[in-house]
Amino acid sequence: MCMNRDWFILYEDLSAESRTVRLGDGTELKVAGRGVIDTDCGKIANCLHVPELTLNLLSIGTCIEKGFDWVCSSDMSCKLIWGGKVCITGRWENITYVLDITVLPPAVSNAAYSLQEWD
C-alpha cells in the first residue's frame, strides 16, 4: 500500500467503491485506487493507493503467498528473496521492519503493463 498517487505507472481509480483496508491497530482507511509501481527491485502490481497512510506498507504475508521467501536474522536484518535472489533488504527499527527500496517515478519507468496482466 502506498500513499503517493504520483508513483503509479498504471492506475485504476476505485474511489467510487467503498473498499477499505484495516491497519494493525484496527483503523480502517479508504482505498482510492490500485495499480502498478516501479521500484529498483522490480514492478509491484496490485498496489493499493491509500492517501491517508503516513507510511508506505508492504505486506510480507502477501509476498510469501506469491512465492517470496522472508528471512530475518539475529542481527535484526531482513531479506525478501525471489528465486534465490535477494530483492529487498531491511532492518528492524522501533518494532517495524524498514525496507530499503526506491520507487522509480513514472517518467523513469519503461513499463508496458495492462490491467489484464495483473494477478
N, C-alpha and C. Protein backbone atom coordinates (compact mmCIF):
# COMPACT_ATOMS: atom_id res chain seq x y z
N MET A 1 0.85 -1.17 0.00
CA MET A 1 0.00 0.00 0.00
C MET A 1 0.89 1.23 0.00
N CYS A 2 0.50 2.21 -0.77
CA CYS A 2 1.28 3.43 -0.77
C CYS A 2 0.37 4.65 -0.72
N MET A 3 0.96 5.74 -0.27
CA MET A 3 0.19 6.96 -0.07
C MET A 3 0.34 7.95 -1.22
N ASN A 4 1.30 7.74 -2.10
CA ASN A 4 1.63 8.72 -3.13
C ASN A 4 1.06 8.32 -4.49
N ARG A 5 0.06 9.01 -4.97
CA ARG A 5 -0.58 8.73 -6.26
C ARG A 5 0.40 8.89 -7.42
N ASP A 6 1.35 9.80 -7.30
CA ASP A 6 2.30 10.09 -8.38
C ASP A 6 3.24 8.93 -8.69
N TRP A 7 3.31 7.93 -7.82
CA TRP A 7 4.22 6.81 -8.03
C TRP A 7 3.70 5.79 -9.02
N PHE A 8 2.42 5.80 -9.30
CA PHE A 8 1.82 4.74 -10.12
C PHE A 8 2.12 4.94 -11.60
N ILE A 9 2.56 3.85 -12.24
CA ILE A 9 2.78 3.89 -13.69
C ILE A 9 1.53 3.42 -14.43
N LEU A 10 0.64 2.74 -13.71
CA LEU A 10 -0.67 2.33 -14.21
C LEU A 10 -1.61 2.43 -13.02
N TYR A 11 -2.79 3.01 -13.24
CA TYR A 11 -3.67 3.30 -12.10
C TYR A 11 -5.12 3.06 -12.47
N GLU A 12 -5.85 2.43 -11.55
CA GLU A 12 -7.29 2.22 -11.68
C GLU A 12 -7.95 2.93 -10.51
N ASP A 13 -8.79 3.89 -10.78
CA ASP A 13 -9.48 4.66 -9.74
C ASP A 13 -10.56 3.79 -9.10
N LEU A 14 -10.53 3.65 -7.79
CA LEU A 14 -11.52 2.87 -7.06
C LEU A 14 -12.29 3.74 -6.08
N SER A 15 -12.21 5.06 -6.24
CA SER A 15 -12.82 5.97 -5.27
C SER A 15 -14.35 5.83 -5.21
N ALA A 16 -14.98 5.36 -6.27
CA ALA A 16 -16.44 5.18 -6.26
C ALA A 16 -16.85 3.96 -5.44
N GLU A 17 -15.91 3.05 -5.19
CA GLU A 17 -16.21 1.86 -4.39
C GLU A 17 -16.02 2.19 -2.90
N SER A 18 -16.54 1.33 -2.06
CA SER A 18 -16.40 1.56 -0.62
C SER A 18 -15.36 0.62 -0.01
N ARG A 19 -14.29 0.38 -0.74
CA ARG A 19 -13.25 -0.54 -0.28
C ARG A 19 -12.37 0.13 0.76
N THR A 20 -12.06 -0.61 1.83
CA THR A 20 -11.18 -0.11 2.87
C THR A 20 -10.13 -1.16 3.21
N VAL A 21 -9.08 -0.72 3.89
CA VAL A 21 -8.08 -1.63 4.44
C VAL A 21 -8.04 -1.39 5.95
N ARG A 22 -7.77 -2.45 6.68
CA ARG A 22 -7.69 -2.35 8.14
C ARG A 22 -6.23 -2.45 8.57
N LEU A 23 -5.79 -1.48 9.33
CA LEU A 23 -4.43 -1.47 9.85
C LEU A 23 -4.33 -2.30 11.12
N GLY A 24 -3.11 -2.55 11.56
CA GLY A 24 -2.89 -3.38 12.74
C GLY A 24 -3.56 -2.88 14.00
N ASP A 25 -3.79 -1.57 14.10
CA ASP A 25 -4.44 -1.02 15.29
C ASP A 25 -5.96 -0.99 15.16
N GLY A 26 -6.49 -1.56 14.07
CA GLY A 26 -7.93 -1.61 13.86
C GLY A 26 -8.49 -0.46 13.04
N THR A 27 -7.69 0.55 12.77
CA THR A 27 -8.13 1.69 11.97
C THR A 27 -8.44 1.23 10.56
N GLU A 28 -9.55 1.71 9.99
CA GLU A 28 -9.89 1.43 8.60
C GLU A 28 -9.69 2.68 7.76
N LEU A 29 -9.00 2.51 6.63
CA LEU A 29 -8.73 3.63 5.72
C LEU A 29 -9.30 3.31 4.34
N LYS A 30 -9.78 4.32 3.66
CA LYS A 30 -10.39 4.16 2.33
C LYS A 30 -9.32 3.94 1.26
N VAL A 31 -9.57 3.01 0.37
CA VAL A 31 -8.72 2.75 -0.78
C VAL A 31 -9.20 3.65 -1.91
N ALA A 32 -8.28 4.46 -2.47
CA ALA A 32 -8.63 5.37 -3.57
C ALA A 32 -8.43 4.72 -4.93
N GLY A 33 -7.48 3.78 -5.01
CA GLY A 33 -7.20 3.14 -6.28
C GLY A 33 -6.21 2.02 -6.12
N ARG A 34 -5.83 1.43 -7.25
CA ARG A 34 -4.80 0.39 -7.24
C ARG A 34 -4.08 0.46 -8.58
N GLY A 35 -2.89 -0.11 -8.59
CA GLY A 35 -2.14 -0.09 -9.83
C GLY A 35 -0.77 -0.70 -9.68
N VAL A 36 0.13 -0.26 -10.55
CA VAL A 36 1.49 -0.78 -10.61
C VAL A 36 2.45 0.35 -10.28
N ILE A 37 3.41 0.06 -9.40
CA ILE A 37 4.51 0.99 -9.17
C ILE A 37 5.81 0.28 -9.56
N ASP A 38 6.77 1.05 -10.00
CA ASP A 38 8.06 0.50 -10.41
C ASP A 38 9.09 0.86 -9.36
N THR A 39 9.89 -0.12 -8.95
CA THR A 39 10.92 0.11 -7.95
C THR A 39 12.26 -0.37 -8.47
N ASP A 40 13.30 -0.07 -7.71
CA ASP A 40 14.62 -0.55 -8.08
C ASP A 40 14.72 -2.07 -7.96
N CYS A 41 13.71 -2.70 -7.36
CA CYS A 41 13.67 -4.16 -7.21
C CYS A 41 12.73 -4.82 -8.20
N GLY A 42 12.04 -4.03 -9.01
CA GLY A 42 11.07 -4.56 -9.96
C GLY A 42 9.71 -3.92 -9.76
N LYS A 43 8.76 -4.33 -10.56
CA LYS A 43 7.42 -3.76 -10.52
C LYS A 43 6.57 -4.46 -9.47
N ILE A 44 5.74 -3.68 -8.79
CA ILE A 44 4.81 -4.22 -7.81
C ILE A 44 3.41 -3.97 -8.34
N ALA A 45 2.70 -5.05 -8.68
CA ALA A 45 1.34 -4.96 -9.21
C ALA A 45 0.34 -5.04 -8.07
N ASN A 46 -0.88 -4.59 -8.36
CA ASN A 46 -1.97 -4.63 -7.38
C ASN A 46 -1.64 -3.85 -6.11
N CYS A 47 -0.84 -2.82 -6.25
CA CYS A 47 -0.51 -1.96 -5.12
C CYS A 47 -1.71 -1.05 -4.85
N LEU A 48 -2.14 -1.00 -3.61
CA LEU A 48 -3.29 -0.18 -3.25
C LEU A 48 -2.85 1.25 -2.95
N HIS A 49 -3.62 2.21 -3.44
CA HIS A 49 -3.37 3.63 -3.14
C HIS A 49 -4.28 4.02 -1.98
N VAL A 50 -3.66 4.34 -0.85
CA VAL A 50 -4.39 4.72 0.37
C VAL A 50 -3.84 6.07 0.81
N PRO A 51 -4.45 7.17 0.35
CA PRO A 51 -3.90 8.50 0.59
C PRO A 51 -3.71 8.87 2.07
N GLU A 52 -4.53 8.30 2.95
CA GLU A 52 -4.43 8.65 4.37
C GLU A 52 -3.27 7.98 5.10
N LEU A 53 -2.57 7.08 4.45
CA LEU A 53 -1.41 6.46 5.09
C LEU A 53 -0.34 7.51 5.36
N THR A 54 0.40 7.32 6.44
CA THR A 54 1.52 8.20 6.71
C THR A 54 2.85 7.52 6.38
N LEU A 55 2.79 6.22 6.13
CA LEU A 55 3.94 5.42 5.70
C LEU A 55 3.48 4.48 4.59
N ASN A 56 4.39 4.08 3.73
CA ASN A 56 4.09 3.08 2.72
C ASN A 56 4.28 1.71 3.36
N LEU A 57 3.39 0.77 3.07
CA LEU A 57 3.41 -0.54 3.69
C LEU A 57 3.50 -1.65 2.65
N LEU A 58 4.27 -2.66 2.96
CA LEU A 58 4.40 -3.84 2.11
C LEU A 58 3.96 -5.04 2.93
N SER A 59 3.01 -5.81 2.42
CA SER A 59 2.52 -6.98 3.13
C SER A 59 3.46 -8.16 2.91
N ILE A 60 4.15 -8.54 3.97
CA ILE A 60 5.05 -9.69 3.89
C ILE A 60 4.24 -10.96 3.65
N GLY A 61 3.06 -11.05 4.28
CA GLY A 61 2.20 -12.21 4.07
C GLY A 61 1.83 -12.38 2.61
N THR A 62 1.47 -11.28 1.94
CA THR A 62 1.14 -11.35 0.52
C THR A 62 2.35 -11.77 -0.29
N CYS A 63 3.52 -11.24 0.04
CA CYS A 63 4.75 -11.63 -0.67
C CYS A 63 5.01 -13.13 -0.52
N ILE A 64 4.82 -13.65 0.67
CA ILE A 64 5.03 -15.09 0.90
C ILE A 64 4.01 -15.90 0.11
N GLU A 65 2.75 -15.45 0.08
CA GLU A 65 1.73 -16.14 -0.73
C GLU A 65 2.10 -16.16 -2.21
N LYS A 66 2.82 -15.14 -2.68
CA LYS A 66 3.23 -15.06 -4.09
C LYS A 66 4.50 -15.86 -4.37
N GLY A 67 5.12 -16.47 -3.34
CA GLY A 67 6.28 -17.32 -3.56
C GLY A 67 7.60 -16.72 -3.11
N PHE A 68 7.58 -15.55 -2.52
CA PHE A 68 8.82 -14.97 -1.99
C PHE A 68 9.19 -15.65 -0.68
N ASP A 69 10.46 -15.61 -0.33
CA ASP A 69 10.93 -16.06 0.98
C ASP A 69 11.26 -14.82 1.80
N TRP A 70 10.93 -14.84 3.08
CA TRP A 70 11.20 -13.75 4.00
C TRP A 70 12.15 -14.31 5.06
N VAL A 71 13.35 -13.73 5.15
CA VAL A 71 14.37 -14.23 6.06
C VAL A 71 14.76 -13.12 7.03
N CYS A 72 14.69 -13.42 8.31
CA CYS A 72 15.10 -12.48 9.35
C CYS A 72 16.29 -13.07 10.08
N SER A 73 17.24 -12.22 10.44
CA SER A 73 18.46 -12.68 11.09
C SER A 73 18.56 -12.14 12.52
N SER A 74 19.43 -12.77 13.31
CA SER A 74 19.59 -12.36 14.70
C SER A 74 20.16 -10.95 14.83
N ASP A 75 20.77 -10.43 13.76
CA ASP A 75 21.29 -9.05 13.80
C ASP A 75 20.20 -8.03 13.47
N MET A 76 18.93 -8.50 13.41
CA MET A 76 17.75 -7.68 13.16
C MET A 76 17.64 -7.20 11.72
N SER A 77 18.37 -7.83 10.81
CA SER A 77 18.22 -7.51 9.40
C SER A 77 17.22 -8.48 8.78
N CYS A 78 16.71 -8.11 7.60
CA CYS A 78 15.74 -8.97 6.92
C CYS A 78 16.00 -8.93 5.42
N LYS A 79 15.50 -9.95 4.73
CA LYS A 79 15.65 -10.05 3.28
C LYS A 79 14.38 -10.64 2.69
N LEU A 80 13.96 -10.08 1.57
CA LEU A 80 12.89 -10.64 0.77
C LEU A 80 13.56 -11.26 -0.45
N ILE A 81 13.34 -12.55 -0.66
CA ILE A 81 14.09 -13.31 -1.67
C ILE A 81 13.11 -13.92 -2.67
N TRP A 82 13.47 -13.82 -3.96
CA TRP A 82 12.68 -14.42 -5.04
C TRP A 82 13.63 -15.24 -5.90
N GLY A 83 13.35 -16.53 -6.02
CA GLY A 83 14.18 -17.40 -6.87
C GLY A 83 15.65 -17.41 -6.47
N GLY A 84 15.93 -17.34 -5.19
CA GLY A 84 17.31 -17.35 -4.71
C GLY A 84 18.01 -16.00 -4.75
N LYS A 85 17.34 -14.97 -5.30
CA LYS A 85 17.95 -13.64 -5.42
C LYS A 85 17.34 -12.70 -4.37
N VAL A 86 18.20 -11.98 -3.65
CA VAL A 86 17.72 -11.01 -2.68
C VAL A 86 17.14 -9.82 -3.44
N CYS A 87 15.86 -9.54 -3.21
CA CYS A 87 15.17 -8.45 -3.89
C CYS A 87 15.15 -7.18 -3.04
N ILE A 88 14.89 -7.35 -1.76
CA ILE A 88 14.77 -6.21 -0.85
C ILE A 88 15.45 -6.58 0.47
N THR A 89 16.16 -5.63 1.04
CA THR A 89 16.74 -5.81 2.36
C THR A 89 16.12 -4.78 3.30
N GLY A 90 16.32 -4.99 4.58
CA GLY A 90 15.79 -4.05 5.55
C GLY A 90 16.38 -4.29 6.92
N ARG A 91 15.90 -3.50 7.88
CA ARG A 91 16.40 -3.59 9.25
C ARG A 91 15.23 -3.30 10.21
N TRP A 92 15.36 -3.81 11.43
CA TRP A 92 14.35 -3.65 12.46
C TRP A 92 14.58 -2.30 13.15
N GLU A 93 13.53 -1.46 13.18
CA GLU A 93 13.60 -0.15 13.83
C GLU A 93 12.28 0.14 14.50
N ASN A 94 12.31 0.39 15.79
CA ASN A 94 11.10 0.78 16.52
C ASN A 94 9.91 -0.15 16.25
N ILE A 95 10.12 -1.43 16.46
CA ILE A 95 9.15 -2.52 16.28
C ILE A 95 8.59 -2.63 14.86
N THR A 96 9.35 -2.17 13.87
CA THR A 96 8.92 -2.24 12.48
C THR A 96 10.13 -2.56 11.60
N TYR A 97 9.92 -3.37 10.57
CA TYR A 97 10.97 -3.56 9.58
C TYR A 97 10.92 -2.41 8.59
N VAL A 98 12.03 -1.70 8.47
CA VAL A 98 12.15 -0.61 7.50
C VAL A 98 12.91 -1.18 6.30
N LEU A 99 12.26 -1.15 5.14
CA LEU A 99 12.83 -1.78 3.95
C LEU A 99 13.59 -0.77 3.09
N ASP A 100 14.66 -1.24 2.49
CA ASP A 100 15.47 -0.42 1.58
C ASP A 100 14.95 -0.64 0.17
N ILE A 101 14.10 0.26 -0.28
CA ILE A 101 13.50 0.14 -1.61
C ILE A 101 13.29 1.55 -2.15
N THR A 102 13.55 1.72 -3.42
CA THR A 102 13.40 3.03 -4.06
C THR A 102 12.34 2.93 -5.15
N VAL A 103 11.38 3.83 -5.10
CA VAL A 103 10.34 3.88 -6.13
C VAL A 103 10.85 4.70 -7.30
N LEU A 104 10.70 4.17 -8.51
CA LEU A 104 11.09 4.90 -9.72
C LEU A 104 9.88 5.66 -10.23
N PRO A 105 10.00 6.97 -10.40
CA PRO A 105 8.85 7.73 -10.89
C PRO A 105 8.44 7.29 -12.29
N PRO A 106 7.17 7.48 -12.65
CA PRO A 106 6.69 7.02 -13.95
C PRO A 106 7.52 7.51 -15.13
N ALA A 107 8.09 8.68 -15.06
CA ALA A 107 8.90 9.19 -16.17
C ALA A 107 10.15 8.34 -16.38
N VAL A 108 10.64 7.69 -15.32
CA VAL A 108 11.84 6.87 -15.40
C VAL A 108 11.50 5.45 -15.82
N SER A 109 10.31 5.00 -15.44
CA SER A 109 9.90 3.63 -15.71
C SER A 109 9.63 3.43 -17.20
N ASN A 110 9.95 2.25 -17.68
CA ASN A 110 9.64 1.91 -19.07
C ASN A 110 8.59 0.80 -19.10
N ALA A 111 7.61 0.90 -18.21
CA ALA A 111 6.61 -0.17 -18.04
C ALA A 111 5.71 -0.30 -19.25
N ALA A 112 5.33 -1.53 -19.49
CA ALA A 112 4.36 -1.83 -20.54
C ALA A 112 3.37 -2.83 -19.96
N TYR A 113 2.56 -2.38 -19.03
CA TYR A 113 1.60 -3.25 -18.36
C TYR A 113 0.20 -2.91 -18.80
N SER A 114 -0.66 -3.88 -18.73
CA SER A 114 -2.08 -3.64 -18.92
C SER A 114 -2.81 -4.28 -17.76
N LEU A 115 -4.04 -3.88 -17.53
CA LEU A 115 -4.81 -4.44 -16.42
C LEU A 115 -4.98 -5.95 -16.55
N GLN A 116 -4.98 -6.46 -17.77
CA GLN A 116 -5.16 -7.90 -17.98
C GLN A 116 -3.95 -8.70 -17.47
N GLU A 117 -2.80 -8.08 -17.30
CA GLU A 117 -1.60 -8.80 -16.85
C GLU A 117 -1.55 -8.96 -15.34
N TRP A 118 -2.45 -8.31 -14.60
CA TRP A 118 -2.43 -8.40 -13.16
C TRP A 118 -2.82 -9.78 -12.70
N ASP A 119 -2.35 -10.13 -11.52
CA ASP A 119 -2.72 -11.42 -10.91
C ASP A 119 -4.15 -11.39 -10.45
